[in-house]
Amino acid sequence: MPLLLLSKTVRRVLAGLVVLVVLVVGGTAASVWWVARSDDRRPSDVIVVLGASQYDGRPSSVFEARLEHAQELYDEGVAPRVVTVGGGAPGDRTTEAAAGKAYLEGQGVDEVLAVEEGRDTLQSLRALAEEMDAQGWSTAVLVTDPWHSLRSRRMANDLGIDAVTSPTRQGPSVRTRGTQARYIARETAGYLFYRVFGASSDAGPDAA
């Protein structure tokens, strides 16, 4: 009888853990989706474009969509300057930040600062936080893909940046519902990884 009772207790504990995991994962996925729908264009010190792939100085379609949205915010007067962030891989002739800066300047954006450090979201935002502190800036509007908004905003806030998000509504990440579902799943895992380990789960020159 004691063994039977123990078995029932173990099953209940395991069932409770499964329910807890489902609730945490489901709740996080819902948060990723909810924040993705938000578009906060409050007046700020800077508009920040999070980096993505670039090919010898030419932004990828993902990166270009972010840059175009940042230009729209700049033209609306959301902030007096745009900051592009992101480093490069060994052997690259330029960085994500430099490629983004060149693109925006070519589109007529006068005030662009490139912070050319970081191989993933967290590294790039750490470099951004240092630059903002040095410049005396505190508020930022982050421009990235919708599904990346929750994780990037959390990281920025944890680093002392008073950040909101205004994601792009165009580009490969929003083309189909299947693509959106994959991005939500990826960002749910990435957000939970960050909350548990305090690190970014992405890495490489095209990390978002």
N, C-alpha and C. Protein backbone atom coordinates (compact mmCIF):
# COMPACT_ATOMS: atom_id res chain seq x y z
N MET A 1 0.80 -1.22 0.00
CA MET A 1 0.00 0.00 0.00
C MET A 1 0.84 1.28 0.00
N PRO A 2 1.89 1.40 0.84
CA PRO A 2 2.72 2.60 0.80
C PRO A 2 3.31 2.84 -0.58
N LEU A 3 3.74 1.75 -1.27
CA LEU A 3 4.31 1.91 -2.61
C LEU A 3 3.26 2.44 -3.57
N LEU A 4 2.03 1.98 -3.42
CA LEU A 4 0.95 2.44 -4.28
C LEU A 4 0.67 3.92 -4.05
N LEU A 5 0.66 4.32 -2.77
CA LEU A 5 0.44 5.72 -2.46
C LEU A 5 1.58 6.59 -3.00
N LEU A 6 2.81 6.08 -2.88
CA LEU A 6 3.96 6.82 -3.39
C LEU A 6 3.86 6.99 -4.90
N SER A 7 3.43 5.91 -5.57
CA SER A 7 3.29 5.97 -7.01
C SER A 7 2.26 7.02 -7.42
N LYS A 8 1.15 7.08 -6.68
CA LYS A 8 0.13 8.07 -6.98
C LYS A 8 0.66 9.48 -6.75
N THR A 9 1.43 9.64 -5.68
CA THR A 9 1.99 10.96 -5.37
C THR A 9 2.96 11.41 -6.48
N VAL A 10 3.80 10.49 -6.94
CA VAL A 10 4.75 10.81 -8.00
C VAL A 10 4.01 11.21 -9.27
N ARG A 11 2.95 10.45 -9.58
CA ARG A 11 2.19 10.77 -10.79
C ARG A 11 1.55 12.15 -10.69
N ARG A 12 1.06 12.48 -9.51
CA ARG A 12 0.44 13.79 -9.32
C ARG A 12 1.47 14.91 -9.44
N VAL A 13 2.65 14.68 -8.87
CA VAL A 13 3.71 15.69 -8.97
C VAL A 13 4.12 15.88 -10.43
N LEU A 14 4.31 14.77 -11.13
CA LEU A 14 4.69 14.86 -12.54
C LEU A 14 3.61 15.55 -13.36
N ALA A 15 2.36 15.22 -13.08
CA ALA A 15 1.25 15.86 -13.80
C ALA A 15 1.23 17.36 -13.52
N GLY A 16 1.49 17.71 -12.25
CA GLY A 16 1.52 19.13 -11.89
C GLY A 16 2.65 19.86 -12.60
N LEU A 17 3.81 19.21 -12.72
CA LEU A 17 4.94 19.83 -13.42
C LEU A 17 4.63 20.02 -14.90
N VAL A 18 3.98 19.02 -15.49
CA VAL A 18 3.61 19.13 -16.91
C VAL A 18 2.66 20.31 -17.12
N VAL A 19 1.67 20.43 -16.24
CA VAL A 19 0.72 21.53 -16.34
C VAL A 19 1.44 22.87 -16.18
N LEU A 20 2.38 22.94 -15.23
CA LEU A 20 3.13 24.18 -15.00
C LEU A 20 3.93 24.56 -16.23
N VAL A 21 4.61 23.58 -16.84
CA VAL A 21 5.41 23.85 -18.04
C VAL A 21 4.51 24.35 -19.17
N VAL A 22 3.38 23.69 -19.34
CA VAL A 22 2.44 24.09 -20.41
C VAL A 22 1.96 25.53 -20.18
N LEU A 23 1.65 25.87 -18.93
CA LEU A 23 1.18 27.21 -18.62
C LEU A 23 2.27 28.26 -18.87
N VAL A 24 3.50 27.95 -18.46
CA VAL A 24 4.61 28.90 -18.65
C VAL A 24 4.88 29.10 -20.13
N VAL A 25 5.00 27.99 -20.88
CA VAL A 25 5.29 28.09 -22.30
C VAL A 25 4.14 28.77 -23.04
N GLY A 26 2.91 28.36 -22.72
CA GLY A 26 1.76 28.97 -23.37
C GLY A 26 1.62 30.44 -23.05
N GLY A 27 1.85 30.80 -21.79
CA GLY A 27 1.77 32.20 -21.40
C GLY A 27 2.83 33.04 -22.07
N THR A 28 4.03 32.49 -22.20
CA THR A 28 5.11 33.22 -22.87
C THR A 28 4.80 33.41 -24.34
N ALA A 29 4.32 32.36 -24.99
CA ALA A 29 3.95 32.47 -26.41
C ALA A 29 2.87 33.53 -26.60
N ALA A 30 1.89 33.57 -25.69
CA ALA A 30 0.85 34.59 -25.77
C ALA A 30 1.43 35.99 -25.61
N SER A 31 2.42 36.14 -24.73
CA SER A 31 3.06 37.43 -24.53
C SER A 31 3.85 37.85 -25.77
N VAL A 32 4.55 36.89 -26.39
CA VAL A 32 5.27 37.17 -27.63
C VAL A 32 4.30 37.70 -28.67
N TRP A 33 3.16 37.03 -28.81
CA TRP A 33 2.16 37.43 -29.79
C TRP A 33 1.57 38.80 -29.45
N TRP A 34 1.28 39.03 -28.17
CA TRP A 34 0.64 40.28 -27.76
C TRP A 34 1.57 41.48 -27.98
N VAL A 35 2.81 41.36 -27.55
CA VAL A 35 3.75 42.47 -27.71
C VAL A 35 4.04 42.71 -29.19
N ALA A 36 4.02 41.65 -29.99
CA ALA A 36 4.24 41.79 -31.43
C ALA A 36 3.19 42.69 -32.07
N ARG A 37 2.00 42.74 -31.49
CA ARG A 37 0.92 43.55 -32.03
C ARG A 37 1.02 45.02 -31.61
N SER A 38 1.88 45.31 -30.65
CA SER A 38 1.99 46.68 -30.13
C SER A 38 2.91 47.52 -31.02
N ASP A 39 2.57 48.79 -31.14
CA ASP A 39 3.39 49.73 -31.91
C ASP A 39 3.45 51.03 -31.13
N ASP A 40 4.49 51.18 -30.32
CA ASP A 40 4.64 52.34 -29.44
C ASP A 40 5.62 53.32 -30.08
N ARG A 41 5.10 54.45 -30.52
CA ARG A 41 5.93 55.45 -31.20
C ARG A 41 6.12 56.69 -30.34
N ARG A 42 6.29 56.51 -29.07
CA ARG A 42 6.43 57.67 -28.19
C ARG A 42 7.71 58.44 -28.53
N PRO A 43 7.73 59.74 -28.31
CA PRO A 43 8.95 60.52 -28.51
C PRO A 43 10.07 59.99 -27.62
N SER A 44 11.24 59.79 -28.20
CA SER A 44 12.36 59.18 -27.48
C SER A 44 13.67 59.82 -27.90
N ASP A 45 14.73 59.47 -27.18
CA ASP A 45 16.06 59.98 -27.52
C ASP A 45 16.58 59.37 -28.81
N VAL A 46 16.30 58.07 -29.00
CA VAL A 46 16.83 57.38 -30.17
C VAL A 46 15.84 56.36 -30.72
N ILE A 47 15.95 56.12 -32.01
CA ILE A 47 15.32 54.98 -32.67
C ILE A 47 16.44 53.97 -32.89
N VAL A 48 16.26 52.75 -32.44
CA VAL A 48 17.32 51.74 -32.52
C VAL A 48 16.89 50.63 -33.47
N VAL A 49 17.73 50.39 -34.48
CA VAL A 49 17.47 49.30 -35.42
C VAL A 49 18.34 48.11 -35.05
N LEU A 50 17.72 47.01 -34.65
CA LEU A 50 18.48 45.81 -34.33
C LEU A 50 18.95 45.14 -35.61
N GLY A 51 20.20 44.70 -35.61
CA GLY A 51 20.83 44.19 -36.81
C GLY A 51 20.30 42.85 -37.28
N ALA A 52 20.54 42.58 -38.55
CA ALA A 52 20.24 41.29 -39.17
C ALA A 52 21.25 41.10 -40.29
N SER A 53 21.10 40.07 -41.07
CA SER A 53 22.10 39.73 -42.08
C SER A 53 22.34 40.88 -43.05
N GLN A 54 23.60 41.00 -43.45
CA GLN A 54 23.97 41.93 -44.51
C GLN A 54 25.00 41.23 -45.40
N TYR A 55 24.99 41.58 -46.66
CA TYR A 55 25.87 40.91 -47.63
C TYR A 55 26.79 41.93 -48.27
N ASP A 56 28.00 42.01 -47.70
CA ASP A 56 29.02 42.95 -48.19
C ASP A 56 28.47 44.37 -48.23
N GLY A 57 27.73 44.73 -47.17
CA GLY A 57 27.20 46.08 -47.06
C GLY A 57 25.77 46.23 -47.53
N ARG A 58 25.21 45.19 -48.15
CA ARG A 58 23.83 45.27 -48.63
C ARG A 58 22.91 44.57 -47.63
N PRO A 59 21.97 45.29 -47.03
CA PRO A 59 21.09 44.67 -46.05
C PRO A 59 20.24 43.56 -46.67
N SER A 60 20.02 42.50 -45.90
CA SER A 60 19.10 41.45 -46.31
C SER A 60 17.68 41.99 -46.32
N SER A 61 16.75 41.21 -46.84
CA SER A 61 15.35 41.66 -46.87
C SER A 61 14.80 41.87 -45.46
N VAL A 62 15.22 41.02 -44.52
CA VAL A 62 14.79 41.18 -43.13
C VAL A 62 15.31 42.50 -42.56
N PHE A 63 16.58 42.76 -42.78
CA PHE A 63 17.21 43.98 -42.27
C PHE A 63 16.64 45.21 -42.96
N GLU A 64 16.43 45.13 -44.26
CA GLU A 64 15.90 46.27 -45.01
C GLU A 64 14.51 46.66 -44.51
N ALA A 65 13.69 45.66 -44.18
CA ALA A 65 12.36 45.96 -43.65
C ALA A 65 12.45 46.74 -42.34
N ARG A 66 13.39 46.38 -41.50
CA ARG A 66 13.59 47.10 -40.24
C ARG A 66 14.07 48.53 -40.50
N LEU A 67 14.99 48.67 -41.42
CA LEU A 67 15.55 49.99 -41.72
C LEU A 67 14.50 50.92 -42.31
N GLU A 68 13.67 50.40 -43.19
CA GLU A 68 12.61 51.22 -43.77
C GLU A 68 11.63 51.70 -42.71
N HIS A 69 11.33 50.84 -41.75
CA HIS A 69 10.42 51.24 -40.68
C HIS A 69 11.08 52.29 -39.79
N ALA A 70 12.36 52.14 -39.53
CA ALA A 70 13.08 53.14 -38.73
C ALA A 70 13.07 54.49 -39.43
N GLN A 71 13.23 54.49 -40.75
CA GLN A 71 13.18 55.74 -41.50
C GLN A 71 11.81 56.39 -41.38
N GLU A 72 10.77 55.58 -41.41
CA GLU A 72 9.41 56.10 -41.25
C GLU A 72 9.25 56.78 -39.89
N LEU A 73 9.75 56.15 -38.84
CA LEU A 73 9.67 56.74 -37.51
C LEU A 73 10.47 58.03 -37.42
N TYR A 74 11.65 58.03 -38.04
CA TYR A 74 12.50 59.22 -38.04
C TYR A 74 11.79 60.37 -38.76
N ASP A 75 11.19 60.07 -39.90
CA ASP A 75 10.49 61.10 -40.68
C ASP A 75 9.28 61.64 -39.91
N GLU A 76 8.70 60.81 -39.05
CA GLU A 76 7.57 61.25 -38.22
C GLU A 76 8.02 62.09 -37.03
N GLY A 77 9.32 62.14 -36.77
CA GLY A 77 9.84 62.92 -35.65
C GLY A 77 9.80 62.20 -34.32
N VAL A 78 9.75 60.86 -34.35
CA VAL A 78 9.72 60.09 -33.11
C VAL A 78 10.99 60.32 -32.30
N ALA A 79 12.13 60.45 -32.97
CA ALA A 79 13.41 60.72 -32.31
C ALA A 79 14.29 61.51 -33.27
N PRO A 80 15.25 62.27 -32.73
CA PRO A 80 16.10 63.10 -33.60
C PRO A 80 17.24 62.33 -34.24
N ARG A 81 17.37 61.04 -33.92
CA ARG A 81 18.48 60.26 -34.46
C ARG A 81 18.12 58.78 -34.49
N VAL A 82 18.84 58.05 -35.35
CA VAL A 82 18.69 56.60 -35.45
C VAL A 82 20.02 55.97 -35.07
N VAL A 83 19.98 54.90 -34.30
CA VAL A 83 21.17 54.13 -33.96
C VAL A 83 21.03 52.74 -34.55
N THR A 84 22.00 52.32 -35.34
CA THR A 84 22.03 50.96 -35.86
C THR A 84 23.03 50.16 -35.03
N VAL A 85 22.70 48.90 -34.76
CA VAL A 85 23.58 48.08 -33.93
C VAL A 85 23.87 46.76 -34.62
N GLY A 86 24.97 46.14 -34.19
CA GLY A 86 25.31 44.81 -34.71
C GLY A 86 26.72 44.76 -35.28
N GLY A 87 27.45 43.73 -34.92
CA GLY A 87 28.81 43.54 -35.41
C GLY A 87 28.83 42.73 -36.70
N GLY A 88 29.95 42.06 -36.93
CA GLY A 88 30.12 41.25 -38.13
C GLY A 88 30.85 39.97 -37.80
N ALA A 89 30.82 39.06 -38.73
CA ALA A 89 31.54 37.79 -38.57
C ALA A 89 32.98 37.95 -39.03
N PRO A 90 33.88 37.09 -38.55
CA PRO A 90 35.26 37.14 -39.03
C PRO A 90 35.31 37.04 -40.56
N GLY A 91 36.05 37.94 -41.18
CA GLY A 91 36.15 37.95 -42.63
C GLY A 91 35.21 38.93 -43.31
N ASP A 92 34.19 39.39 -42.59
CA ASP A 92 33.29 40.39 -43.16
C ASP A 92 34.03 41.70 -43.38
N ARG A 93 33.68 42.38 -44.46
CA ARG A 93 34.31 43.67 -44.75
C ARG A 93 33.57 44.82 -44.08
N THR A 94 32.39 44.54 -43.55
CA THR A 94 31.62 45.57 -42.86
C THR A 94 30.78 44.90 -41.78
N THR A 95 30.09 45.71 -41.01
CA THR A 95 29.25 45.20 -39.93
C THR A 95 27.78 45.46 -40.24
N GLU A 96 26.90 44.82 -39.47
CA GLU A 96 25.48 45.07 -39.62
C GLU A 96 25.17 46.55 -39.36
N ALA A 97 25.77 47.10 -38.30
CA ALA A 97 25.52 48.49 -37.95
C ALA A 97 25.98 49.44 -39.06
N ALA A 98 27.15 49.19 -39.61
CA ALA A 98 27.68 50.05 -40.67
C ALA A 98 26.83 49.95 -41.93
N ALA A 99 26.40 48.72 -42.25
CA ALA A 99 25.55 48.54 -43.43
C ALA A 99 24.23 49.26 -43.25
N GLY A 100 23.66 49.18 -42.05
CA GLY A 100 22.41 49.89 -41.77
C GLY A 100 22.57 51.39 -41.84
N LYS A 101 23.67 51.88 -41.31
CA LYS A 101 23.95 53.33 -41.34
C LYS A 101 24.05 53.83 -42.77
N ALA A 102 24.80 53.10 -43.61
CA ALA A 102 24.97 53.50 -45.00
C ALA A 102 23.64 53.50 -45.74
N TYR A 103 22.81 52.50 -45.46
CA TYR A 103 21.50 52.41 -46.11
C TYR A 103 20.64 53.63 -45.74
N LEU A 104 20.56 53.93 -44.46
CA LEU A 104 19.72 55.04 -44.00
C LEU A 104 20.22 56.37 -44.51
N GLU A 105 21.53 56.56 -44.51
CA GLU A 105 22.08 57.81 -45.04
C GLU A 105 21.77 57.94 -46.52
N GLY A 106 21.78 56.83 -47.23
CA GLY A 106 21.42 56.85 -48.64
C GLY A 106 19.97 57.20 -48.88
N GLN A 107 19.14 56.99 -47.86
CA GLN A 107 17.72 57.32 -47.95
C GLN A 107 17.41 58.72 -47.40
N GLY A 108 18.46 59.45 -47.03
CA GLY A 108 18.27 60.82 -46.60
C GLY A 108 18.13 61.04 -45.10
N VAL A 109 18.42 59.99 -44.30
CA VAL A 109 18.39 60.16 -42.84
C VAL A 109 19.72 60.78 -42.41
N ASP A 110 19.67 61.97 -41.83
CA ASP A 110 20.89 62.74 -41.55
C ASP A 110 21.62 62.29 -40.29
N GLU A 111 20.87 61.94 -39.25
CA GLU A 111 21.49 61.63 -37.96
C GLU A 111 21.45 60.12 -37.71
N VAL A 112 22.56 59.46 -38.02
CA VAL A 112 22.64 58.01 -37.82
C VAL A 112 23.96 57.69 -37.13
N LEU A 113 23.88 56.92 -36.06
CA LEU A 113 25.07 56.47 -35.33
C LEU A 113 25.13 54.95 -35.40
N ALA A 114 26.28 54.41 -35.76
CA ALA A 114 26.47 52.96 -35.84
C ALA A 114 27.23 52.48 -34.61
N VAL A 115 26.67 51.52 -33.89
CA VAL A 115 27.34 50.87 -32.76
C VAL A 115 27.71 49.47 -33.25
N GLU A 116 28.96 49.31 -33.65
CA GLU A 116 29.39 48.14 -34.41
C GLU A 116 29.92 47.01 -33.52
N GLU A 117 29.14 46.64 -32.53
CA GLU A 117 29.54 45.56 -31.63
C GLU A 117 28.36 44.61 -31.42
N GLY A 118 28.68 43.34 -31.18
CA GLY A 118 27.65 42.38 -30.84
C GLY A 118 27.41 41.34 -31.92
N ARG A 119 27.43 40.07 -31.51
CA ARG A 119 27.14 38.97 -32.40
C ARG A 119 25.76 38.37 -32.13
N ASP A 120 25.06 38.90 -31.14
CA ASP A 120 23.69 38.48 -30.87
C ASP A 120 22.94 39.65 -30.23
N THR A 121 21.68 39.46 -29.96
CA THR A 121 20.83 40.54 -29.44
C THR A 121 21.38 41.13 -28.15
N LEU A 122 21.73 40.27 -27.21
CA LEU A 122 22.16 40.75 -25.90
C LEU A 122 23.48 41.51 -25.99
N GLN A 123 24.44 41.00 -26.74
CA GLN A 123 25.71 41.71 -26.90
C GLN A 123 25.50 43.07 -27.54
N SER A 124 24.67 43.12 -28.57
CA SER A 124 24.41 44.40 -29.25
C SER A 124 23.75 45.40 -28.31
N LEU A 125 22.81 44.93 -27.51
CA LEU A 125 22.12 45.84 -26.60
C LEU A 125 23.03 46.28 -25.46
N ARG A 126 23.95 45.45 -25.05
CA ARG A 126 24.93 45.88 -24.04
C ARG A 126 25.79 47.02 -24.58
N ALA A 127 26.24 46.88 -25.82
CA ALA A 127 27.03 47.94 -26.44
C ALA A 127 26.19 49.20 -26.60
N LEU A 128 24.93 49.04 -26.96
CA LEU A 128 24.02 50.18 -27.09
C LEU A 128 23.85 50.88 -25.75
N ALA A 129 23.66 50.11 -24.68
CA ALA A 129 23.47 50.70 -23.35
C ALA A 129 24.68 51.55 -22.94
N GLU A 130 25.87 51.05 -23.24
CA GLU A 130 27.09 51.81 -22.91
C GLU A 130 27.14 53.11 -23.71
N GLU A 131 26.80 53.06 -24.98
CA GLU A 131 26.82 54.26 -25.82
C GLU A 131 25.76 55.26 -25.38
N MET A 132 24.58 54.77 -25.06
CA MET A 132 23.52 55.67 -24.61
C MET A 132 23.89 56.34 -23.30
N ASP A 133 24.51 55.58 -22.40
CA ASP A 133 24.93 56.16 -21.13
C ASP A 133 25.98 57.23 -21.35
N ALA A 134 26.91 56.97 -22.27
CA ALA A 134 27.96 57.95 -22.57
C ALA A 134 27.39 59.23 -23.19
N GLN A 135 26.33 59.07 -23.97
CA GLN A 135 25.72 60.22 -24.64
C GLN A 135 24.66 60.92 -23.78
N GLY A 136 24.30 60.33 -22.66
CA GLY A 136 23.27 60.92 -21.83
C GLY A 136 21.86 60.66 -22.33
N TRP A 137 21.68 59.60 -23.11
CA TRP A 137 20.37 59.22 -23.62
C TRP A 137 19.77 58.13 -22.74
N SER A 138 18.47 58.12 -22.59
CA SER A 138 17.85 57.12 -21.73
C SER A 138 16.67 56.39 -22.36
N THR A 139 16.01 57.00 -23.34
CA THR A 139 14.80 56.41 -23.92
C THR A 139 15.04 55.97 -25.35
N ALA A 140 14.40 54.85 -25.73
CA ALA A 140 14.62 54.31 -27.06
C ALA A 140 13.36 53.62 -27.58
N VAL A 141 13.18 53.69 -28.89
CA VAL A 141 12.19 52.90 -29.60
C VAL A 141 12.95 51.84 -30.38
N LEU A 142 12.72 50.58 -30.06
CA LEU A 142 13.42 49.48 -30.71
C LEU A 142 12.66 49.05 -31.96
N VAL A 143 13.38 48.92 -33.06
CA VAL A 143 12.79 48.46 -34.31
C VAL A 143 13.37 47.09 -34.65
N THR A 144 12.49 46.11 -34.73
CA THR A 144 12.90 44.76 -35.08
C THR A 144 11.69 44.06 -35.67
N ASP A 145 11.74 42.73 -35.80
CA ASP A 145 10.57 41.99 -36.27
C ASP A 145 9.55 41.89 -35.13
N PRO A 146 8.27 41.74 -35.46
CA PRO A 146 7.25 41.70 -34.40
C PRO A 146 7.53 40.67 -33.31
N TRP A 147 7.93 39.48 -33.72
CA TRP A 147 8.07 38.36 -32.77
C TRP A 147 9.30 38.52 -31.89
N HIS A 148 10.23 39.35 -32.30
CA HIS A 148 11.46 39.60 -31.54
C HIS A 148 11.29 40.71 -30.51
N SER A 149 10.13 41.37 -30.53
CA SER A 149 9.93 42.57 -29.72
C SER A 149 9.99 42.30 -28.22
N LEU A 150 9.31 41.27 -27.76
CA LEU A 150 9.26 41.00 -26.32
C LEU A 150 10.65 40.75 -25.75
N ARG A 151 11.41 39.87 -26.40
CA ARG A 151 12.73 39.52 -25.88
C ARG A 151 13.68 40.71 -25.91
N SER A 152 13.69 41.45 -27.02
CA SER A 152 14.62 42.58 -27.12
C SER A 152 14.24 43.68 -26.13
N ARG A 153 12.94 43.91 -25.94
CA ARG A 153 12.53 44.94 -24.98
C ARG A 153 12.92 44.54 -23.56
N ARG A 154 12.72 43.29 -23.22
CA ARG A 154 13.09 42.83 -21.87
C ARG A 154 14.59 42.99 -21.64
N MET A 155 15.39 42.58 -22.60
CA MET A 155 16.84 42.72 -22.47
C MET A 155 17.25 44.18 -22.31
N ALA A 156 16.67 45.05 -23.14
CA ALA A 156 17.01 46.47 -23.06
C ALA A 156 16.63 47.05 -21.71
N ASN A 157 15.43 46.75 -21.25
CA ASN A 157 15.01 47.26 -19.94
C ASN A 157 15.90 46.75 -18.81
N ASP A 158 16.30 45.48 -18.90
CA ASP A 158 17.19 44.92 -17.89
C ASP A 158 18.55 45.61 -17.88
N LEU A 159 18.94 46.18 -19.01
CA LEU A 159 20.22 46.87 -19.13
C LEU A 159 20.11 48.36 -18.78
N GLY A 160 18.94 48.78 -18.33
CA GLY A 160 18.76 50.16 -17.90
C GLY A 160 18.26 51.10 -18.98
N ILE A 161 17.89 50.57 -20.14
CA ILE A 161 17.34 51.39 -21.22
C ILE A 161 15.82 51.45 -21.07
N ASP A 162 15.28 52.62 -21.09
CA ASP A 162 13.82 52.79 -21.03
C ASP A 162 13.31 52.60 -22.46
N ALA A 163 12.97 51.36 -22.80
CA ALA A 163 12.70 51.01 -24.19
C ALA A 163 11.26 50.58 -24.43
N VAL A 164 10.75 50.95 -25.60
CA VAL A 164 9.49 50.43 -26.12
C VAL A 164 9.78 49.87 -27.51
N THR A 165 8.80 49.23 -28.12
CA THR A 165 9.02 48.62 -29.43
C THR A 165 8.03 49.11 -30.46
N SER A 166 8.54 49.29 -31.68
CA SER A 166 7.72 49.60 -32.85
C SER A 166 8.20 48.69 -33.97
N PRO A 167 7.65 47.48 -34.06
CA PRO A 167 8.16 46.51 -35.03
C PRO A 167 7.73 46.79 -36.46
N THR A 168 8.54 46.31 -37.40
CA THR A 168 8.16 46.40 -38.80
C THR A 168 7.00 45.45 -39.09
N ARG A 169 6.18 45.82 -40.05
CA ARG A 169 5.05 44.98 -40.44
C ARG A 169 5.23 44.38 -41.83
N GLN A 170 6.45 44.39 -42.32
CA GLN A 170 6.72 43.82 -43.62
C GLN A 170 7.98 42.95 -43.54
N GLY A 171 8.26 42.23 -44.61
CA GLY A 171 9.45 41.38 -44.63
C GLY A 171 9.11 39.91 -44.46
N PRO A 172 10.12 39.05 -44.58
CA PRO A 172 9.92 37.59 -44.54
C PRO A 172 9.28 37.06 -43.27
N SER A 173 9.48 37.73 -42.16
CA SER A 173 8.99 37.18 -40.88
C SER A 173 7.49 37.26 -40.71
N VAL A 174 6.81 38.00 -41.59
CA VAL A 174 5.36 38.16 -41.44
C VAL A 174 4.58 37.75 -42.69
N ARG A 175 5.22 37.06 -43.61
CA ARG A 175 4.58 36.78 -44.90
C ARG A 175 3.47 35.75 -44.82
N THR A 176 3.68 34.68 -44.07
CA THR A 176 2.67 33.62 -43.99
C THR A 176 2.41 33.28 -42.52
N ARG A 177 1.25 32.67 -42.27
CA ARG A 177 0.93 32.27 -40.90
C ARG A 177 1.87 31.17 -40.41
N GLY A 178 2.31 30.30 -41.33
CA GLY A 178 3.25 29.27 -40.95
C GLY A 178 4.57 29.87 -40.50
N THR A 179 5.05 30.88 -41.22
CA THR A 179 6.28 31.57 -40.84
C THR A 179 6.12 32.25 -39.49
N GLN A 180 4.98 32.89 -39.30
CA GLN A 180 4.73 33.57 -38.03
C GLN A 180 4.73 32.58 -36.87
N ALA A 181 4.11 31.43 -37.07
CA ALA A 181 4.07 30.42 -36.01
C ALA A 181 5.47 29.94 -35.66
N ARG A 182 6.31 29.74 -36.67
CA ARG A 182 7.70 29.31 -36.40
C ARG A 182 8.47 30.37 -35.62
N TYR A 183 8.28 31.63 -35.99
CA TYR A 183 8.97 32.70 -35.28
C TYR A 183 8.47 32.81 -33.83
N ILE A 184 7.18 32.65 -33.63
CA ILE A 184 6.65 32.72 -32.26
C ILE A 184 7.24 31.60 -31.41
N ALA A 185 7.32 30.39 -31.99
CA ALA A 185 7.91 29.26 -31.26
C ALA A 185 9.37 29.53 -30.93
N ARG A 186 10.10 30.05 -31.90
CA ARG A 186 11.52 30.34 -31.69
C ARG A 186 11.71 31.40 -30.61
N GLU A 187 10.91 32.46 -30.68
CA GLU A 187 11.07 33.54 -29.72
C GLU A 187 10.57 33.16 -28.33
N THR A 188 9.59 32.27 -28.26
CA THR A 188 9.16 31.76 -26.95
C THR A 188 10.31 31.04 -26.28
N ALA A 189 10.98 30.16 -27.04
CA ALA A 189 12.14 29.45 -26.50
C ALA A 189 13.27 30.41 -26.15
N GLY A 190 13.52 31.39 -27.03
CA GLY A 190 14.59 32.35 -26.78
C GLY A 190 14.35 33.20 -25.55
N TYR A 191 13.10 33.61 -25.35
CA TYR A 191 12.77 34.43 -24.18
C TYR A 191 12.93 33.63 -22.89
N LEU A 192 12.45 32.41 -22.89
CA LEU A 192 12.58 31.57 -21.69
C LEU A 192 14.04 31.26 -21.40
N PHE A 193 14.84 31.03 -22.45
CA PHE A 193 16.27 30.78 -22.28
C PHE A 193 16.93 31.99 -21.61
N TYR A 194 16.58 33.18 -22.07
CA TYR A 194 17.16 34.39 -21.48
C TYR A 194 16.76 34.54 -20.02
N ARG A 195 15.48 34.31 -19.72
CA ARG A 195 15.02 34.48 -18.35
C ARG A 195 15.68 33.49 -17.39
N VAL A 196 15.98 32.28 -17.88
CA VAL A 196 16.57 31.25 -17.03
C VAL A 196 18.08 31.43 -16.91
N PHE A 197 18.74 31.67 -18.05
CA PHE A 197 20.21 31.67 -18.08
C PHE A 197 20.83 33.07 -18.19
N GLY A 198 20.02 34.09 -18.46
CA GLY A 198 20.56 35.44 -18.59
C GLY A 198 21.46 35.60 -19.78
N ALA A 199 21.23 34.82 -20.83
CA ALA A 199 22.06 34.86 -22.02
C ALA A 199 21.18 34.81 -23.26
N SER A 200 21.76 35.16 -24.38
CA SER A 200 21.02 35.12 -25.64
C SER A 200 21.18 33.74 -26.26
N SER A 201 20.11 33.19 -26.78
CA SER A 201 20.16 31.86 -27.39
C SER A 201 20.56 31.90 -28.84
N ASP A 202 20.70 33.12 -29.40
CA ASP A 202 21.12 33.23 -30.79
C ASP A 202 22.57 33.68 -30.85
N ALA A 203 23.21 33.42 -31.96
CA ALA A 203 24.61 33.82 -32.13
C ALA A 203 24.91 33.84 -33.62
N GLY A 204 25.90 34.66 -33.99
CA GLY A 204 26.28 34.74 -35.39
C GLY A 204 25.93 36.10 -35.98
N PRO A 205 26.44 36.40 -37.16
CA PRO A 205 26.26 37.72 -37.73
C PRO A 205 24.83 38.03 -38.11
N ASP A 206 23.96 37.02 -38.26
CA ASP A 206 22.58 37.29 -38.62
C ASP A 206 21.65 37.04 -37.44
N ALA A 207 22.21 36.95 -36.27
CA ALA A 207 21.38 36.71 -35.08
C ALA A 207 20.48 37.90 -34.84
N ALA A 208 19.25 37.61 -34.44
CA ALA A 208 18.31 38.68 -34.16
C ALA A 208 18.00 38.76 -32.67
